[in-house]
């Protein structure tokens, strides 16, 4: 389980790098989608390792917020 958490953490770092360096809005939106799903998966793995139910709730909130961010940014770009 620790190896899974490490790989997911590396994916989160890659998503943060892409969000910061992405030359286009499309790259940043893709990074936010990656961060939402990977961050939620990381929280679920950590919840299993530590047996903390609050981390599962945080994972659900993270997925919901990431979805809203992607929809808002996508709609904002489509209207331009």
PDB file of N, CA and C in Angstrom:
ATOM      1  N   UNK A   1       0.817  -1.209   0.000  1.00  0.00           N
ATOM      2  CA  UNK A   1       0.000   0.000   0.000  1.00  0.00           C
ATOM      3  C   UNK A   1       0.855   1.266   0.000  1.00  0.00           C
ATOM      4  N   UNK A   2       2.002   1.195   0.651  1.00  0.00           N
ATOM      5  CA  UNK A   2       2.871   2.366   0.688  1.00  0.00           C
ATOM      6  C   UNK A   2       3.415   2.687  -0.709  1.00  0.00           C
ATOM      7  N   UNK A   3       3.668   1.658  -1.496  1.00  0.00           N
ATOM      8  CA  UNK A   3       4.160   1.877  -2.861  1.00  0.00           C
ATOM      9  C   UNK A   3       3.081   2.550  -3.713  1.00  0.00           C
ATOM     10  N   UNK A   4       1.837   2.159  -3.521  1.00  0.00           N
ATOM     11  CA  UNK A   4       0.727   2.773  -4.256  1.00  0.00           C
ATOM     12  C   UNK A   4       0.617   4.246  -3.887  1.00  0.00           C
ATOM     13  N   UNK A   5       0.726   4.547  -2.607  1.00  0.00           N
ATOM     14  CA  UNK A   5       0.659   5.940  -2.156  1.00  0.00           C
ATOM     15  C   UNK A   5       1.808   6.759  -2.738  1.00  0.00           C
ATOM     16  N   UNK A   6       2.983   6.160  -2.837  1.00  0.00           N
ATOM     17  CA  UNK A   6       4.133   6.865  -3.401  1.00  0.00           C
ATOM     18  C   UNK A   6       3.921   7.173  -4.881  1.00  0.00           C
ATOM     19  N   UNK A   7       3.431   6.200  -5.621  1.00  0.00           N
ATOM     20  CA  UNK A   7       3.182   6.413  -7.055  1.00  0.00           C
ATOM     21  C   UNK A   7       2.104   7.487  -7.253  1.00  0.00           C
ATOM     22  N   UNK A   8       1.060   7.447  -6.446  1.00  0.00           N
ATOM     23  CA  UNK A   8       0.008   8.461  -6.560  1.00  0.00           C
ATOM     24  C   UNK A   8       0.533   9.848  -6.197  1.00  0.00           C
ATOM     25  N   UNK A   9       1.394   9.927  -5.206  1.00  0.00           N
ATOM     26  CA  UNK A   9       1.989  11.210  -4.843  1.00  0.00           C
ATOM     27  C   UNK A   9       2.844  11.756  -5.985  1.00  0.00           C
ATOM     28  N   UNK A  10       3.575  10.883  -6.670  1.00  0.00           N
ATOM     29  CA  UNK A  10       4.355  11.317  -7.830  1.00  0.00           C
ATOM     30  C   UNK A  10       3.447  11.827  -8.950  1.00  0.00           C
ATOM     31  N   UNK A  11       2.296  11.193  -9.122  1.00  0.00           N
ATOM     32  CA  UNK A  11       1.334  11.656 -10.127  1.00  0.00           C
ATOM     33  C   UNK A  11       0.768  13.026  -9.747  1.00  0.00           C
ATOM     34  N   UNK A  12       0.517  13.236  -8.474  1.00  0.00           N
ATOM     35  CA  UNK A  12       0.036  14.552  -8.021  1.00  0.00           C
ATOM     36  C   UNK A  12       1.095  15.617  -8.288  1.00  0.00           C
ATOM     37  N   UNK A  13       2.352  15.297  -8.007  1.00  0.00           N
ATOM     38  CA  UNK A  13       3.424  16.259  -8.283  1.00  0.00           C
ATOM     39  C   UNK A  13       3.541  16.557  -9.777  1.00  0.00           C
ATOM     40  N   UNK A  14       3.365  15.539 -10.610  1.00  0.00           N
ATOM     41  CA  UNK A  14       3.397  15.757 -12.059  1.00  0.00           C
ATOM     42  C   UNK A  14       2.235  16.652 -12.491  1.00  0.00           C
ATOM     43  N   UNK A  15       1.067  16.463 -11.879  1.00  0.00           N
ATOM     44  CA  UNK A  15      -0.077  17.311 -12.193  1.00  0.00           C
ATOM     45  C   UNK A  15       0.138  18.751 -11.769  1.00  0.00           C
ATOM     46  N   UNK A  16       0.758  18.951 -10.611  1.00  0.00           N
ATOM     47  CA  UNK A  16       1.063  20.313 -10.159  1.00  0.00           C
ATOM     48  C   UNK A  16       2.065  20.988 -11.095  1.00  0.00           C
ATOM     49  N   UNK A  17       3.045  20.214 -11.555  1.00  0.00           N
ATOM     50  CA  UNK A  17       4.021  20.767 -12.484  1.00  0.00           C
ATOM     51  C   UNK A  17       3.343  21.183 -13.794  1.00  0.00           C
ATOM     52  N   UNK A  18       2.439  20.335 -14.293  1.00  0.00           N
ATOM     53  CA  UNK A  18       1.750  20.649 -15.549  1.00  0.00           C
ATOM     54  C   UNK A  18       0.821  21.846 -15.373  1.00  0.00           C
ATOM     55  N   UNK A  19       0.175  21.949 -14.212  1.00  0.00           N
ATOM     56  CA  UNK A  19      -0.713  23.088 -13.971  1.00  0.00           C
ATOM     57  C   UNK A  19       0.078  24.389 -13.906  1.00  0.00           C
ATOM     58  N   UNK A  20       1.274  24.336 -13.360  1.00  0.00           N
ATOM     59  CA  UNK A  20       2.094  25.545 -13.259  1.00  0.00           C
ATOM     60  C   UNK A  20       2.765  25.892 -14.584  1.00  0.00           C
ATOM     61  N   UNK A  21       3.220  24.900 -15.322  1.00  0.00           N
ATOM     62  CA  UNK A  21       3.986  25.148 -16.535  1.00  0.00           C
ATOM     63  C   UNK A  21       3.179  25.073 -17.822  1.00  0.00           C
ATOM     64  N   UNK A  22       1.976  24.517 -17.737  1.00  0.00           N
ATOM     65  CA  UNK A  22       1.192  24.298 -18.949  1.00  0.00           C
ATOM     66  C   UNK A  22       1.050  25.559 -19.780  1.00  0.00           C
ATOM     67  N   UNK A  23       1.471  25.513 -21.021  1.00  0.00           N
ATOM     68  CA  UNK A  23       1.408  26.731 -21.825  1.00  0.00           C
ATOM     69  C   UNK A  23      -0.018  27.123 -22.201  1.00  0.00           C
ATOM     70  N   UNK A  24      -0.930  26.174 -22.226  1.00  0.00           N
ATOM     71  CA  UNK A  24      -2.289  26.521 -22.642  1.00  0.00           C
ATOM     72  C   UNK A  24      -3.288  26.200 -21.533  1.00  0.00           C
ATOM     73  N   UNK A  25      -4.474  26.753 -21.688  1.00  0.00           N
ATOM     74  CA  UNK A  25      -5.540  26.490 -20.729  1.00  0.00           C
ATOM     75  C   UNK A  25      -5.930  25.023 -20.772  1.00  0.00           C
ATOM     76  N   UNK A  26      -5.883  24.422 -21.930  1.00  0.00           N
ATOM     77  CA  UNK A  26      -6.224  23.001 -22.055  1.00  0.00           C
ATOM     78  C   UNK A  26      -5.288  22.132 -21.206  1.00  0.00           C
ATOM     79  N   UNK A  27      -3.997  22.476 -21.188  1.00  0.00           N
ATOM     80  CA  UNK A  27      -3.053  21.736 -20.355  1.00  0.00           C
ATOM     81  C   UNK A  27      -3.393  21.886 -18.879  1.00  0.00           C
ATOM     82  N   UNK A  28      -3.765  23.085 -18.487  1.00  0.00           N
ATOM     83  CA  UNK A  28      -4.098  23.326 -17.084  1.00  0.00           C
ATOM     84  C   UNK A  28      -5.381  22.610 -16.679  1.00  0.00           C
ATOM     85  N   UNK A  29      -6.371  22.590 -17.554  1.00  0.00           N
ATOM     86  CA  UNK A  29      -7.624  21.885 -17.253  1.00  0.00           C
ATOM     87  C   UNK A  29      -7.363  20.390 -17.119  1.00  0.00           C
ATOM     88  N   UNK A  30      -6.540  19.853 -17.999  1.00  0.00           N
ATOM     89  CA  UNK A  30      -6.186  18.445 -17.911  1.00  0.00           C
ATOM     90  C   UNK A  30      -5.453  18.155 -16.600  1.00  0.00           C
ATOM     91  N   UNK A  31      -4.596  19.071 -16.198  1.00  0.00           N
ATOM     92  CA  UNK A  31      -3.875  18.902 -14.939  1.00  0.00           C
ATOM     93  C   UNK A  31      -4.831  18.925 -13.751  1.00  0.00           C
ATOM     94  N   UNK A  32      -5.821  19.806 -13.769  1.00  0.00           N
ATOM     95  CA  UNK A  32      -6.786  19.845 -12.671  1.00  0.00           C
ATOM     96  C   UNK A  32      -7.621  18.568 -12.609  1.00  0.00           C
ATOM     97  N   UNK A  33      -7.959  18.023 -13.762  1.00  0.00           N
ATOM     98  CA  UNK A  33      -8.688  16.758 -13.773  1.00  0.00           C
ATOM     99  C   UNK A  33      -7.809  15.649 -13.191  1.00  0.00           C
ATOM    100  N   UNK A  34      -6.533  15.635 -13.573  1.00  0.00           N
ATOM    101  CA  UNK A  34      -5.589  14.658 -13.023  1.00  0.00           C
ATOM    102  C   UNK A  34      -5.441  14.833 -11.520  1.00  0.00           C
ATOM    103  N   UNK A  35      -5.318  16.074 -11.078  1.00  0.00           N
ATOM    104  CA  UNK A  35      -5.151  16.331  -9.648  1.00  0.00           C
ATOM    105  C   UNK A  35      -6.379  15.908  -8.854  1.00  0.00           C
ATOM    106  N   UNK A  36      -7.555  16.118  -9.412  1.00  0.00           N
ATOM    107  CA  UNK A  36      -8.774  15.728  -8.697  1.00  0.00           C
ATOM    108  C   UNK A  36      -8.892  14.234  -8.516  1.00  0.00           C
ATOM    109  N   UNK A  37      -8.697  13.497  -9.584  1.00  0.00           N
ATOM    110  CA  UNK A  37      -8.857  12.044  -9.487  1.00  0.00           C
ATOM    111  C   UNK A  37      -7.695  11.388  -8.748  1.00  0.00           C
ATOM    112  N   UNK A  38      -6.480  11.829  -9.034  1.00  0.00           N
ATOM    113  CA  UNK A  38      -5.325  11.234  -8.374  1.00  0.00           C
ATOM    114  C   UNK A  38      -5.271  11.624  -6.905  1.00  0.00           C
ATOM    115  N   UNK A  39      -5.598  12.862  -6.610  1.00  0.00           N
ATOM    116  CA  UNK A  39      -5.630  13.289  -5.217  1.00  0.00           C
ATOM    117  C   UNK A  39      -6.668  12.527  -4.415  1.00  0.00           C
ATOM    118  N   UNK A  40      -7.819  12.286  -5.026  1.00  0.00           N
ATOM    119  CA  UNK A  40      -8.859  11.507  -4.344  1.00  0.00           C
ATOM    120  C   UNK A  40      -8.397  10.072  -4.125  1.00  0.00           C
ATOM    121  N   UNK A  41      -7.752   9.490  -5.124  1.00  0.00           N
ATOM    122  CA  UNK A  41      -7.241   8.125  -4.965  1.00  0.00           C
ATOM    123  C   UNK A  41      -6.193   8.067  -3.859  1.00  0.00           C
ATOM    124  N   UNK A  42      -5.332   9.079  -3.801  1.00  0.00           N
ATOM    125  CA  UNK A  42      -4.322   9.131  -2.752  1.00  0.00           C
ATOM    126  C   UNK A  42      -4.970   9.233  -1.374  1.00  0.00           C
ATOM    127  N   UNK A  43      -6.000  10.056  -1.259  1.00  0.00           N
ATOM    128  CA  UNK A  43      -6.695  10.185   0.021  1.00  0.00           C
ATOM    129  C   UNK A  43      -7.381   8.880   0.431  1.00  0.00           C
ATOM    130  N   UNK A  44      -7.941   8.161  -0.527  1.00  0.00           N
ATOM    131  CA  UNK A  44      -8.579   6.880  -0.212  1.00  0.00           C
ATOM    132  C   UNK A  44      -7.535   5.859   0.252  1.00  0.00           C
ATOM    133  N   UNK A  45      -6.380   5.834  -0.408  1.00  0.00           N
ATOM    134  CA  UNK A  45      -5.315   4.923   0.015  1.00  0.00           C
ATOM    135  C   UNK A  45      -4.827   5.288   1.415  1.00  0.00           C
ATOM    136  N   UNK A  46      -4.639   6.584   1.669  1.00  0.00           N
ATOM    137  CA  UNK A  46      -4.212   7.017   3.001  1.00  0.00           C
ATOM    138  C   UNK A  46      -5.281   6.721   4.055  1.00  0.00           C
ATOM    139  N   UNK A  47      -6.545   6.838   3.671  1.00  0.00           N
ATOM    140  CA  UNK A  47      -7.632   6.508   4.603  1.00  0.00           C
ATOM    141  C   UNK A  47      -7.595   5.030   4.962  1.00  0.00           C
ATOM    142  N   UNK A  48      -7.271   4.202   3.994  1.00  0.00           N
ATOM    143  CA  UNK A  48      -7.176   2.765   4.253  1.00  0.00           C
ATOM    144  C   UNK A  48      -5.966   2.446   5.143  1.00  0.00           C
ATOM    145  N   UNK A  49      -4.853   3.107   4.864  1.00  0.00           N
ATOM    146  CA  UNK A  49      -3.648   2.859   5.662  1.00  0.00           C
ATOM    147  C   UNK A  49      -3.813   3.304   7.113  1.00  0.00           C
ATOM    148  N   UNK A  50      -4.426   4.477   7.293  1.00  0.00           N
ATOM    149  CA  UNK A  50      -4.550   5.037   8.646  1.00  0.00           C
ATOM    150  C   UNK A  50      -5.887   4.728   9.300  1.00  0.00           C
ATOM    151  N   UNK A  51      -6.795   4.135   8.546  1.00  0.00           N
ATOM    152  CA  UNK A  51      -8.148   3.830   9.018  1.00  0.00           C
ATOM    153  C   UNK A  51      -8.851   5.081   9.542  1.00  0.00           C
ATOM    154  N   UNK A  52      -8.797   6.141   8.725  1.00  0.00           N
ATOM    155  CA  UNK A  52      -9.423   7.417   9.044  1.00  0.00           C
ATOM    156  C   UNK A  52     -10.533   7.680   8.034  1.00  0.00           C
ATOM    157  N   UNK A  53     -11.764   7.663   8.497  1.00  0.00           N
ATOM    158  CA  UNK A  53     -12.906   7.833   7.594  1.00  0.00           C
ATOM    159  C   UNK A  53     -12.993   9.258   7.047  1.00  0.00           C
ATOM    160  N   UNK A  54     -12.475  10.230   7.765  1.00  0.00           N
ATOM    161  CA  UNK A  54     -12.546  11.615   7.315  1.00  0.00           C
ATOM    162  C   UNK A  54     -11.788  11.827   6.003  1.00  0.00           C
ATOM    163  N   UNK A  55     -10.749  11.043   5.775  1.00  0.00           N
ATOM    164  CA  UNK A  55     -10.007  11.176   4.522  1.00  0.00           C
ATOM    165  C   UNK A  55     -10.842  10.723   3.331  1.00  0.00           C
ATOM    166  N   UNK A  56     -11.723   9.763   3.530  1.00  0.00           N
ATOM    167  CA  UNK A  56     -12.628   9.352   2.440  1.00  0.00           C
ATOM    168  C   UNK A  56     -13.599  10.478   2.112  1.00  0.00           C
ATOM    169  N   UNK A  57     -14.086  11.159   3.140  1.00  0.00           N
ATOM    170  CA  UNK A  57     -14.973  12.301   2.909  1.00  0.00           C
ATOM    171  C   UNK A  57     -14.240  13.409   2.162  1.00  0.00           C
ATOM    172  N   UNK A  58     -13.006  13.648   2.549  1.00  0.00           N
ATOM    173  CA  UNK A  58     -12.209  14.659   1.860  1.00  0.00           C
ATOM    174  C   UNK A  58     -11.984  14.280   0.398  1.00  0.00           C
ATOM    175  N   UNK A  59     -11.840  12.987   0.115  1.00  0.00           N
ATOM    176  CA  UNK A  59     -11.668  12.532  -1.265  1.00  0.00           C
ATOM    177  C   UNK A  59     -12.909  12.837  -2.098  1.00  0.00           C
ATOM    178  N   UNK A  60     -14.075  12.623  -1.519  1.00  0.00           N
ATOM    179  CA  UNK A  60     -15.316  12.945  -2.239  1.00  0.00           C
ATOM    180  C   UNK A  60     -15.427  14.434  -2.520  1.00  0.00           C
ATOM    181  N   UNK A  61     -15.082  15.250  -1.543  1.00  0.00           N
ATOM    182  CA  UNK A  61     -15.128  16.706  -1.726  1.00  0.00           C
ATOM    183  C   UNK A  61     -14.131  17.132  -2.801  1.00  0.00           C
ATOM    184  N   UNK A  62     -12.951  16.540  -2.800  1.00  0.00           N
ATOM    185  CA  UNK A  62     -11.930  16.879  -3.793  1.00  0.00           C
ATOM    186  C   UNK A  62     -12.390  16.557  -5.205  1.00  0.00           C
ATOM    187  N   UNK A  63     -13.015  15.419  -5.387  1.00  0.00           N
ATOM    188  CA  UNK A  63     -13.527  15.053  -6.715  1.00  0.00           C
ATOM    189  C   UNK A  63     -14.621  16.026  -7.145  1.00  0.00           C
ATOM    190  N   UNK A  64     -15.507  16.383  -6.233  1.00  0.00           N
ATOM    191  CA  UNK A  64     -16.577  17.317  -6.572  1.00  0.00           C
ATOM    192  C   UNK A  64     -16.014  18.682  -6.958  1.00  0.00           C
ATOM    193  N   UNK A  65     -15.062  19.181  -6.196  1.00  0.00           N
ATOM    194  CA  UNK A  65     -14.470  20.489  -6.506  1.00  0.00           C
ATOM    195  C   UNK A  65     -13.693  20.462  -7.819  1.00  0.00           C
ATOM    196  N   UNK A  66     -12.965  19.400  -8.061  1.00  0.00           N
ATOM    197  CA  UNK A  66     -12.216  19.301  -9.315  1.00  0.00           C
ATOM    198  C   UNK A  66     -13.155  19.269 -10.509  1.00  0.00           C
ATOM    199  N   UNK A  67     -14.281  18.596 -10.365  1.00  0.00           N
ATOM    200  CA  UNK A  67     -15.268  18.549 -11.446  1.00  0.00           C
ATOM    201  C   UNK A  67     -15.832  19.933 -11.724  1.00  0.00           C
ATOM    202  N   UNK A  68     -16.146  20.665 -10.674  1.00  0.00           N
ATOM    203  CA  UNK A  68     -16.684  22.018 -10.840  1.00  0.00           C
ATOM    204  C   UNK A  68     -15.650  22.923 -11.504  1.00  0.00           C
ATOM    205  N   UNK A  69     -14.404  22.827 -11.092  1.00  0.00           N
ATOM    206  CA  UNK A  69     -13.350  23.661 -11.691  1.00  0.00           C
ATOM    207  C   UNK A  69     -13.209  23.360 -13.174  1.00  0.00           C
ATOM    208  N   UNK A  70     -13.197  22.097 -13.537  1.00  0.00           N
ATOM    209  CA  UNK A  70     -13.051  21.724 -14.950  1.00  0.00           C
ATOM    210  C   UNK A  70     -14.229  22.235 -15.764  1.00  0.00           C
ATOM    211  N   UNK A  71     -15.448  22.105 -15.245  1.00  0.00           N
ATOM    212  CA  UNK A  71     -16.628  22.573 -15.979  1.00  0.00           C
ATOM    213  C   UNK A  71     -16.600  24.090 -16.140  1.00  0.00           C
ATOM    214  N   UNK A  72     -16.273  24.814 -15.087  1.00  0.00           N
ATOM    215  CA  UNK A  72     -16.265  26.283 -15.156  1.00  0.00           C
ATOM    216  C   UNK A  72     -15.198  26.770 -16.128  1.00  0.00           C
ATOM    217  N   UNK A  73     -14.002  26.208 -16.049  1.00  0.00           N
ATOM    218  CA  UNK A  73     -12.934  26.649 -16.948  1.00  0.00           C
ATOM    219  C   UNK A  73     -13.250  26.276 -18.387  1.00  0.00           C
ATOM    220  N   UNK A  74     -13.807  25.102 -18.597  1.00  0.00           N
ATOM    221  CA  UNK A  74     -14.164  24.670 -19.951  1.00  0.00           C
ATOM    222  C   UNK A  74     -15.240  25.565 -20.540  1.00  0.00           C
ATOM    223  N   UNK A  75     -16.250  25.885 -19.760  1.00  0.00           N
ATOM    224  CA  UNK A  75     -17.298  26.782 -20.272  1.00  0.00           C
ATOM    225  C   UNK A  75     -16.779  28.173 -20.534  1.00  0.00           C
ATOM    226  N   UNK A  76     -15.893  28.645 -19.663  1.00  0.00           N
ATOM    227  CA  UNK A  76     -15.305  29.976 -19.856  1.00  0.00           C
ATOM    228  C   UNK A  76     -14.460  30.049 -21.106  1.00  0.00           C
ATOM    229  N   UNK A  77     -13.767  28.974 -21.433  1.00  0.00           N
ATOM    230  CA  UNK A  77     -12.930  28.956 -22.641  1.00  0.00           C
ATOM    231  C   UNK A  77     -13.784  28.806 -23.891  1.00  0.00           C
ATOM    232  N   UNK A  78     -14.880  28.061 -23.778  1.00  0.00           N
ATOM    233  CA  UNK A  78     -15.730  27.856 -24.951  1.00  0.00           C
ATOM    234  C   UNK A  78     -16.452  29.128 -25.349  1.00  0.00           C
ATOM    235  N   UNK A  79     -16.716  30.019 -24.403  1.00  0.00           N
ATOM    236  CA  UNK A  79     -17.443  31.255 -24.700  1.00  0.00           C
ATOM    237  C   UNK A  79     -16.569  32.310 -25.336  1.00  0.00           C
ATOM    238  N   UNK A  80     -15.254  32.136 -25.276  1.00  0.00           N
ATOM    239  CA  UNK A  80     -14.351  33.159 -25.823  1.00  0.00           C
ATOM    240  C   UNK A  80     -14.263  33.095 -27.296  1.00  0.00           C
TER     241      UNK A  80
END
